[in-house]
Structures are given as C-alpha cells and as structure tokens.
C-alpha cells in the first residue's frame, strides 16, 4: 500500500514537472518570437526612415569623368576620348526632376596618312544640355534615374591641326551644333546625402550636318542637399 502511494505521488510530481518545463519552454519561445518581430519591425522602420531622408533632398550635384567613343569625321574611325561632367538636378518631388549638365571630351582623331603629315591631331567637344530626369528605383543603398537632355555641342576639331583646316584632314568643321544625351544614373549611397554614380550613356551630336552616335560611361560623386517641402 505504501509503495502504491509513493508511485502515485512520484508520477504526479513528474507529470507536474513535465508540464512546468513545457510551459516555460513555450513562454520562452513566444518571448523570442516577439523579440524577433520587434527587431524586424524596428529594422524595417529604420530602412524606411533612411529611404525617406535620402530621396527627400531637393538638389543633387554631381561631377566626375569618364570615357566616350566618338566619331570625328564621316569617313574616319571612331576614337577614344576622356570626358568630364558637372551636373545639377532640381527635384520637384522624390521622383521627377529637371537636370542641367555641362561636359567636355578630349581625344585624338584618327585621320590616318595625309599629305599634311599630321597624325592623330587633338580634338575636343563641349556640351551644354538640360532636360527631365525620372527616378525609377529608390532603395536604401541603390537608386536608378533615367534622363534625356538636349542642347548645344561645341566642336573644336582644328585645335591640333597646326593651322590646317579640319575639313582637309577629313574632320568635321569646328562649329556649334545641336546635341542630345540619354542615359541612366546608377547610384550607390554611402550616406543619405552622399553617393557614388556610374552613368552609361548615349551622346548624340550633329557636327558636319550629320548625326554621330557616340556611346560612353561617366563615373563620379553625388552630393544631395535641401529638402522637398
């Protein structure tokens, strides 16, 4: 009889201990899940605040250099050029802005063998363009903005020809003509107001009363300031 009571008491104690352990484990699991949910919510809220802070800037100023593949004459091979650019964008809202850009390109034209014994004279172009820009992607670390700008291109094709007219070397004449550019600004954000930019682009020019289709890429730094009200 004593052994039976001991067994019942022992079984009851073990059963109670089992339920207490399970209850503690369940409460701990619920507490851990609640902390994870709060952590995820806080992280998402922080990311949203950073995105809002980054893309509520009114102004973007950018500058840097790059590369352009340019045709300097209708019958000449394309030549490589080093470029620079300075641009500013005024955003009317977090997506749509008005962009203005000044840029230049420097290289050596491939004129081949001529009776003037001049090879690869230096040439340059300068661009003054403006137009719309639209931000199509905006995340915490990355952004993408497409743009289409137009204006004037100043071509200087006889600066390295030693007084020989550029057209005698097969180059376009030095002149100012319409120019236009389309591209996409790809930004990597270091901070909400500071980013690195890479811009694949197409630069169209109309020197010599023809159209030159030129491809290139720019790289530079972006600084943002001001606030959209």
C-alpha atoms as a PDB file:
ATOM      1  CA  UNK A   1       0.000   0.000   0.000  1.00  0.00           C
ATOM      2  CA  UNK A   2       2.850   2.378   0.883  1.00  0.00           C
ATOM      3  CA  UNK A   3       4.592   1.542  -2.343  1.00  0.00           C
ATOM      4  CA  UNK A   4       1.463   2.284  -4.349  1.00  0.00           C
ATOM      5  CA  UNK A   5       1.006   5.735  -2.719  1.00  0.00           C
ATOM      6  CA  UNK A   6       4.699   6.513  -3.369  1.00  0.00           C
ATOM      7  CA  UNK A   7       4.351   5.588  -7.027  1.00  0.00           C
ATOM      8  CA  UNK A   8       1.244   7.748  -7.471  1.00  0.00           C
ATOM      9  CA  UNK A   9       2.907  10.712  -5.772  1.00  0.00           C
ATOM     10  CA  UNK A  10       6.065  10.258  -7.839  1.00  0.00           C
ATOM     11  CA  UNK A  11       4.108  10.035 -11.085  1.00  0.00           C
ATOM     12  CA  UNK A  12       2.115  13.132 -10.172  1.00  0.00           C
ATOM     13  CA  UNK A  13       5.286  15.048  -9.349  1.00  0.00           C
ATOM     14  CA  UNK A  14       6.908  14.011 -12.616  1.00  0.00           C
ATOM     15  CA  UNK A  15       3.788  14.979 -14.532  1.00  0.00           C
ATOM     16  CA  UNK A  16       3.668  18.395 -12.869  1.00  0.00           C
ATOM     17  CA  UNK A  17       7.380  18.923 -13.556  1.00  0.00           C
ATOM     18  CA  UNK A  18       6.851  17.954 -17.195  1.00  0.00           C
ATOM     19  CA  UNK A  19       4.054  20.483 -17.623  1.00  0.00           C
ATOM     20  CA  UNK A  20       6.069  23.214 -15.905  1.00  0.00           C
ATOM     21  CA  UNK A  21       9.077  22.621 -18.174  1.00  0.00           C
ATOM     22  CA  UNK A  22       6.884  22.639 -21.265  1.00  0.00           C
ATOM     23  CA  UNK A  23       5.124  25.779 -20.158  1.00  0.00           C
ATOM     24  CA  UNK A  24       8.462  27.513 -19.520  1.00  0.00           C
ATOM     25  CA  UNK A  25       9.791  26.450 -22.909  1.00  0.00           C
ATOM     26  CA  UNK A  26       6.624  27.654 -24.625  1.00  0.00           C
ATOM     27  CA  UNK A  27       6.765  31.030 -22.874  1.00  0.00           C
ATOM     28  CA  UNK A  28      10.454  31.420 -23.773  1.00  0.00           C
ATOM     29  CA  UNK A  29       9.717  30.565 -27.428  1.00  0.00           C
ATOM     30  CA  UNK A  30       6.881  33.096 -27.512  1.00  0.00           C
ATOM     31  CA  UNK A  31       9.142  35.734 -25.968  1.00  0.00           C
ATOM     32  CA  UNK A  32      11.896  35.029 -28.542  1.00  0.00           C
ATOM     33  CA  UNK A  33       9.418  35.224 -31.428  1.00  0.00           C
ATOM     34  CA  UNK A  34       8.068  38.514 -30.052  1.00  0.00           C
ATOM     35  CA  UNK A  35      11.585  39.972 -29.824  1.00  0.00           C
ATOM     36  CA  UNK A  36      12.326  38.869 -33.402  1.00  0.00           C
ATOM     37  CA  UNK A  37       9.137  40.529 -34.643  1.00  0.00           C
ATOM     38  CA  UNK A  38      10.026  43.728 -32.806  1.00  0.00           C
ATOM     39  CA  UNK A  39      13.594  43.621 -34.186  1.00  0.00           C
ATOM     40  CA  UNK A  40      12.359  43.126 -37.760  1.00  0.00           C
ATOM     41  CA  UNK A  41       9.818  45.911 -37.347  1.00  0.00           C
ATOM     42  CA  UNK A  42      12.482  48.266 -35.995  1.00  0.00           C
ATOM     43  CA  UNK A  43      14.837  47.384 -38.840  1.00  0.00           C
ATOM     44  CA  UNK A  44      12.152  47.990 -41.472  1.00  0.00           C
ATOM     45  CA  UNK A  45      11.225  51.297 -39.837  1.00  0.00           C
ATOM     46  CA  UNK A  46      14.890  52.366 -39.807  1.00  0.00           C
ATOM     47  CA  UNK A  47      15.282  51.474 -43.501  1.00  0.00           C
ATOM     48  CA  UNK A  48      12.150  53.431 -44.393  1.00  0.00           C
ATOM     49  CA  UNK A  49      13.432  56.464 -42.472  1.00  0.00           C
ATOM     50  CA  UNK A  50      16.755  56.263 -44.333  1.00  0.00           C
ATOM     51  CA  UNK A  51      14.990  55.995 -47.712  1.00  0.00           C
ATOM     52  CA  UNK A  52      12.796  58.977 -46.854  1.00  0.00           C
ATOM     53  CA  UNK A  53      15.802  61.010 -45.731  1.00  0.00           C
ATOM     54  CA  UNK A  54      17.813  60.101 -48.850  1.00  0.00           C
ATOM     55  CA  UNK A  55      15.238  60.870 -51.523  1.00  0.00           C
ATOM     56  CA  UNK A  56      13.585  63.897 -49.982  1.00  0.00           C
ATOM     57  CA  UNK A  57      16.561  66.079 -50.925  1.00  0.00           C
ATOM     58  CA  UNK A  58      15.696  68.896 -53.308  1.00  0.00           C
ATOM     59  CA  UNK A  59      19.074  69.133 -55.070  1.00  0.00           C
ATOM     60  CA  UNK A  60      21.638  66.717 -56.445  1.00  0.00           C
ATOM     61  CA  UNK A  61      25.054  67.949 -57.545  1.00  0.00           C
ATOM     62  CA  UNK A  62      27.347  65.516 -59.361  1.00  0.00           C
ATOM     63  CA  UNK A  63      30.727  65.644 -61.014  1.00  0.00           C
ATOM     64  CA  UNK A  64      33.399  63.359 -62.351  1.00  0.00           C
ATOM     65  CA  UNK A  65      34.921  61.961 -65.513  1.00  0.00           C
ATOM     66  CA  UNK A  66      34.615  59.116 -67.935  1.00  0.00           C
ATOM     67  CA  UNK A  67      35.029  57.744 -71.418  1.00  0.00           C
ATOM     68  CA  UNK A  68      33.416  58.409 -74.803  1.00  0.00           C
ATOM     69  CA  UNK A  69      33.752  56.611 -78.102  1.00  0.00           C
ATOM     70  CA  UNK A  70      33.442  59.402 -80.685  1.00  0.00           C
ATOM     71  CA  UNK A  71      33.392  59.704 -84.488  1.00  0.00           C
ATOM     72  CA  UNK A  72      35.237  62.852 -85.571  1.00  0.00           C
ATOM     73  CA  UNK A  73      34.596  62.577 -89.310  1.00  0.00           C
ATOM     74  CA  UNK A  74      32.153  60.796 -91.600  1.00  0.00           C
ATOM     75  CA  UNK A  75      34.881  58.605 -93.089  1.00  0.00           C
ATOM     76  CA  UNK A  76      37.136  58.284 -90.054  1.00  0.00           C
ATOM     77  CA  UNK A  77      37.419  55.580 -87.429  1.00  0.00           C
ATOM     78  CA  UNK A  78      35.997  56.310 -84.020  1.00  0.00           C
ATOM     79  CA  UNK A  79      38.496  57.485 -81.419  1.00  0.00           C
ATOM     80  CA  UNK A  80      38.679  57.231 -77.649  1.00  0.00           C
ATOM     81  CA  UNK A  81      38.053  60.331 -75.563  1.00  0.00           C
ATOM     82  CA  UNK A  82      38.415  61.269 -71.919  1.00  0.00           C
ATOM     83  CA  UNK A  83      35.427  63.166 -70.551  1.00  0.00           C
ATOM     84  CA  UNK A  84      34.365  65.321 -67.618  1.00  0.00           C
ATOM     85  CA  UNK A  85      30.918  66.382 -66.447  1.00  0.00           C
ATOM     86  CA  UNK A  86      29.238  68.650 -63.905  1.00  0.00           C
ATOM     87  CA  UNK A  87      25.500  68.309 -63.389  1.00  0.00           C
ATOM     88  CA  UNK A  88      22.752  69.519 -61.106  1.00  0.00           C
ATOM     89  CA  UNK A  89      19.223  68.188 -60.710  1.00  0.00           C
ATOM     90  CA  UNK A  90      16.345  70.053 -59.086  1.00  0.00           C
ATOM     91  CA  UNK A  91      13.702  67.593 -57.875  1.00  0.00           C
ATOM     92  CA  UNK A  92      10.096  68.731 -57.917  1.00  0.00           C
ATOM     93  CA  UNK A  93       9.160  65.591 -55.979  1.00  0.00           C
ATOM     94  CA  UNK A  94      11.073  62.451 -54.903  1.00  0.00           C
ATOM     95  CA  UNK A  95      10.880  61.031 -58.431  1.00  0.00           C
ATOM     96  CA  UNK A  96      10.793  63.807 -61.038  1.00  0.00           C
ATOM     97  CA  UNK A  97      13.496  66.418 -61.542  1.00  0.00           C
ATOM     98  CA  UNK A  98      14.988  68.880 -64.010  1.00  0.00           C
ATOM     99  CA  UNK A  99      18.613  68.225 -64.894  1.00  0.00           C
ATOM    100  CA  UNK A 100      21.285  70.540 -66.295  1.00  0.00           C
ATOM    101  CA  UNK A 101      24.713  69.383 -67.352  1.00  0.00           C
ATOM    102  CA  UNK A 102      27.989  70.828 -68.643  1.00  0.00           C
ATOM    103  CA  UNK A 103      30.555  68.428 -70.026  1.00  0.00           C
ATOM    104  CA  UNK A 104      33.543  68.039 -72.262  1.00  0.00           C
ATOM    105  CA  UNK A 105      35.537  65.410 -74.140  1.00  0.00           C
ATOM    106  CA  UNK A 106      39.158  65.306 -75.284  1.00  0.00           C
ATOM    107  CA  UNK A 107      40.883  62.902 -77.647  1.00  0.00           C
ATOM    108  CA  UNK A 108      42.995  62.382 -80.732  1.00  0.00           C
ATOM    109  CA  UNK A 109      41.305  61.914 -84.098  1.00  0.00           C
ATOM    110  CA  UNK A 110      42.378  59.004 -86.271  1.00  0.00           C
ATOM    111  CA  UNK A 111      42.984  60.802 -89.569  1.00  0.00           C
ATOM    112  CA  UNK A 112      45.433  58.253 -90.955  1.00  0.00           C
ATOM    113  CA  UNK A 113      48.086  59.205 -93.505  1.00  0.00           C
ATOM    114  CA  UNK A 114      47.570  62.551 -95.216  1.00  0.00           C
ATOM    115  CA  UNK A 115      49.649  64.837 -97.454  1.00  0.00           C
ATOM    116  CA  UNK A 116      49.985  67.180 -94.453  1.00  0.00           C
ATOM    117  CA  UNK A 117      51.966  64.604 -92.454  1.00  0.00           C
ATOM    118  CA  UNK A 118      49.764  65.064 -89.372  1.00  0.00           C
ATOM    119  CA  UNK A 119      48.715  62.023 -87.425  1.00  0.00           C
ATOM    120  CA  UNK A 120      46.114  61.897 -84.682  1.00  0.00           C
ATOM    121  CA  UNK A 121      45.551  65.643 -84.070  1.00  0.00           C
ATOM    122  CA  UNK A 122      43.963  66.630 -80.780  1.00  0.00           C
ATOM    123  CA  UNK A 123      40.236  67.449 -80.805  1.00  0.00           C
ATOM    124  CA  UNK A 124      37.678  68.415 -78.172  1.00  0.00           C
ATOM    125  CA  UNK A 125      33.963  68.931 -77.698  1.00  0.00           C
ATOM    126  CA  UNK A 126      31.941  70.768 -75.056  1.00  0.00           C
ATOM    127  CA  UNK A 127      28.293  70.132 -74.218  1.00  0.00           C
ATOM    128  CA  UNK A 128      25.624  72.303 -72.590  1.00  0.00           C
ATOM    129  CA  UNK A 129      22.447  70.270 -72.101  1.00  0.00           C
ATOM    130  CA  UNK A 130      19.338  70.092 -69.964  1.00  0.00           C
ATOM    131  CA  UNK A 131      16.089  68.171 -69.623  1.00  0.00           C
ATOM    132  CA  UNK A 132      13.925  65.874 -67.481  1.00  0.00           C
ATOM    133  CA  UNK A 133      15.103  63.137 -65.122  1.00  0.00           C
ATOM    134  CA  UNK A 134      12.955  60.442 -63.530  1.00  0.00           C
ATOM    135  CA  UNK A 135      13.987  58.221 -60.613  1.00  0.00           C
ATOM    136  CA  UNK A 136      12.719  54.724 -61.409  1.00  0.00           C
ATOM    137  CA  UNK A 137      14.322  52.859 -58.486  1.00  0.00           C
ATOM    138  CA  UNK A 138      14.971  54.104 -54.958  1.00  0.00           C
ATOM    139  CA  UNK A 139      16.163  51.836 -52.153  1.00  0.00           C
ATOM    140  CA  UNK A 140      18.325  52.302 -49.090  1.00  0.00           C
ATOM    141  CA  UNK A 141      21.625  51.623 -50.859  1.00  0.00           C
ATOM    142  CA  UNK A 142      20.829  51.881 -54.569  1.00  0.00           C
ATOM    143  CA  UNK A 143      18.992  54.217 -56.940  1.00  0.00           C
ATOM    144  CA  UNK A 144      18.474  54.456 -60.698  1.00  0.00           C
ATOM    145  CA  UNK A 145      17.406  57.606 -62.556  1.00  0.00           C
ATOM    146  CA  UNK A 146      16.792  57.831 -66.298  1.00  0.00           C
ATOM    147  CA  UNK A 147      17.251  61.132 -68.095  1.00  0.00           C
ATOM    148  CA  UNK A 148      17.000  62.717 -71.545  1.00  0.00           C
ATOM    149  CA  UNK A 149      18.750  66.059 -72.084  1.00  0.00           C
ATOM    150  CA  UNK A 150      19.488  68.230 -75.088  1.00  0.00           C
ATOM    151  CA  UNK A 151      21.160  71.458 -76.035  1.00  0.00           C
ATOM    152  CA  UNK A 152      24.300  72.561 -77.857  1.00  0.00           C
ATOM    153  CA  UNK A 153      27.595  70.882 -78.623  1.00  0.00           C
ATOM    154  CA  UNK A 154      30.693  72.946 -79.415  1.00  0.00           C
ATOM    155  CA  UNK A 155      33.192  71.030 -81.542  1.00  0.00           C
ATOM    156  CA  UNK A 156      36.813  72.143 -81.797  1.00  0.00           C
ATOM    157  CA  UNK A 157      38.377  69.962 -84.482  1.00  0.00           C
ATOM    158  CA  UNK A 158      41.239  72.133 -85.667  1.00  0.00           C
ATOM    159  CA  UNK A 159      42.926  72.950 -82.330  1.00  0.00           C
ATOM    160  CA  UNK A 160      45.629  70.366 -83.004  1.00  0.00           C
ATOM    161  CA  UNK A 161      45.830  70.605 -86.802  1.00  0.00           C
ATOM    162  CA  UNK A 162      48.683  73.167 -86.869  1.00  0.00           C
ATOM    163  CA  UNK A 163      46.653  75.699 -88.812  1.00  0.00           C
ATOM    164  CA  UNK A 164      45.355  73.246 -91.409  1.00  0.00           C
ATOM    165  CA  UNK A 165      41.540  73.407 -91.785  1.00  0.00           C
ATOM    166  CA  UNK A 166      39.905  70.450 -90.066  1.00  0.00           C
ATOM    167  CA  UNK A 167      37.913  69.503 -93.175  1.00  0.00           C
ATOM    168  CA  UNK A 168      41.176  68.995 -95.106  1.00  0.00           C
ATOM    169  CA  UNK A 169      42.000  66.206 -92.660  1.00  0.00           C
ATOM    170  CA  UNK A 170      38.586  64.581 -93.005  1.00  0.00           C
ATOM    171  CA  UNK A 171      37.387  66.053 -89.709  1.00  0.00           C
ATOM    172  CA  UNK A 172      34.165  67.895 -89.053  1.00  0.00           C
ATOM    173  CA  UNK A 173      34.497  71.690 -89.118  1.00  0.00           C
ATOM    174  CA  UNK A 174      34.771  73.474 -85.801  1.00  0.00           C
ATOM    175  CA  UNK A 175      31.200  74.591 -85.083  1.00  0.00           C
ATOM    176  CA  UNK A 176      28.341  74.642 -82.613  1.00  0.00           C
ATOM    177  CA  UNK A 177      25.512  72.243 -83.334  1.00  0.00           C
ATOM    178  CA  UNK A 178      22.613  70.519 -81.584  1.00  0.00           C
ATOM    179  CA  UNK A 179      23.495  67.751 -79.138  1.00  0.00           C
ATOM    180  CA  UNK A 180      21.444  65.360 -77.055  1.00  0.00           C
ATOM    181  CA  UNK A 181      22.099  62.676 -74.456  1.00  0.00           C
ATOM    182  CA  UNK A 182      20.161  59.857 -72.828  1.00  0.00           C
ATOM    183  CA  UNK A 183      21.360  57.644 -70.019  1.00  0.00           C
ATOM    184  CA  UNK A 184      20.730  56.203 -66.592  1.00  0.00           C
ATOM    185  CA  UNK A 185      22.358  57.364 -63.357  1.00  0.00           C
ATOM    186  CA  UNK A 186      23.148  54.361 -61.161  1.00  0.00           C
ATOM    187  CA  UNK A 187      23.872  55.460 -57.594  1.00  0.00           C
ATOM    188  CA  UNK A 188      25.355  53.621 -54.631  1.00  0.00           C
ATOM    189  CA  UNK A 189      24.623  55.523 -51.430  1.00  0.00           C
ATOM    190  CA  UNK A 190      27.354  55.899 -48.816  1.00  0.00           C
ATOM    191  CA  UNK A 191      25.133  58.208 -46.763  1.00  0.00           C
ATOM    192  CA  UNK A 192      21.722  59.774 -47.411  1.00  0.00           C
ATOM    193  CA  UNK A 193      23.444  62.865 -48.853  1.00  0.00           C
ATOM    194  CA  UNK A 194      26.493  61.246 -50.493  1.00  0.00           C
ATOM    195  CA  UNK A 195      26.705  58.632 -53.248  1.00  0.00           C
ATOM    196  CA  UNK A 196      28.893  57.205 -55.983  1.00  0.00           C
ATOM    197  CA  UNK A 197      27.462  57.402 -59.513  1.00  0.00           C
ATOM    198  CA  UNK A 198      28.025  55.365 -62.690  1.00  0.00           C
ATOM    199  CA  UNK A 199      26.234  56.552 -65.852  1.00  0.00           C
ATOM    200  CA  UNK A 200      26.104  54.513 -69.061  1.00  0.00           C
ATOM    201  CA  UNK A 201      25.089  56.978 -71.782  1.00  0.00           C
ATOM    202  CA  UNK A 202      24.441  57.719 -75.420  1.00  0.00           C
ATOM    203  CA  UNK A 203      25.692  61.097 -76.668  1.00  0.00           C
ATOM    204  CA  UNK A 204      24.251  62.242 -79.981  1.00  0.00           C
ATOM    205  CA  UNK A 205      25.887  65.070 -81.924  1.00  0.00           C
ATOM    206  CA  UNK A 206      25.163  66.713 -85.283  1.00  0.00           C
ATOM    207  CA  UNK A 207      28.514  68.069 -86.441  1.00  0.00           C
ATOM    208  CA  UNK A 208      29.007  68.367 -90.198  1.00  0.00           C
ATOM    209  CA  UNK A 209      25.226  68.220 -90.791  1.00  0.00           C
ATOM    210  CA  UNK A 210      25.145  64.503 -89.940  1.00  0.00           C
ATOM    211  CA  UNK A 211      24.359  62.545 -86.779  1.00  0.00           C
ATOM    212  CA  UNK A 212      27.096  60.955 -84.706  1.00  0.00           C
ATOM    213  CA  UNK A 213      26.057  58.110 -82.420  1.00  0.00           C
ATOM    214  CA  UNK A 214      28.516  58.024 -79.538  1.00  0.00           C
ATOM    215  CA  UNK A 215      28.495  55.667 -76.541  1.00  0.00           C
ATOM    216  CA  UNK A 216      30.255  56.204 -73.242  1.00  0.00           C
ATOM    217  CA  UNK A 217      30.205  55.999 -69.475  1.00  0.00           C
ATOM    218  CA  UNK A 218      30.745  58.537 -66.695  1.00  0.00           C
ATOM    219  CA  UNK A 219      31.705  57.988 -63.065  1.00  0.00           C
ATOM    220  CA  UNK A 220      31.593  60.471 -60.239  1.00  0.00           C
ATOM    221  CA  UNK A 221      30.361  61.600 -56.828  1.00  0.00           C
ATOM    222  CA  UNK A 222      26.871  62.868 -55.953  1.00  0.00           C
ATOM    223  CA  UNK A 223      26.089  65.322 -53.167  1.00  0.00           C
ATOM    224  CA  UNK A 224      22.467  65.918 -52.103  1.00  0.00           C
ATOM    225  CA  UNK A 225      21.139  68.882 -50.135  1.00  0.00           C
ATOM    226  CA  UNK A 226      17.992  70.875 -49.436  1.00  0.00           C
ATOM    227  CA  UNK A 227      14.574  69.418 -48.706  1.00  0.00           C
ATOM    228  CA  UNK A 228      11.423  68.932 -50.756  1.00  0.00           C
ATOM    229  CA  UNK A 229       8.660  70.677 -48.824  1.00  0.00           C
END
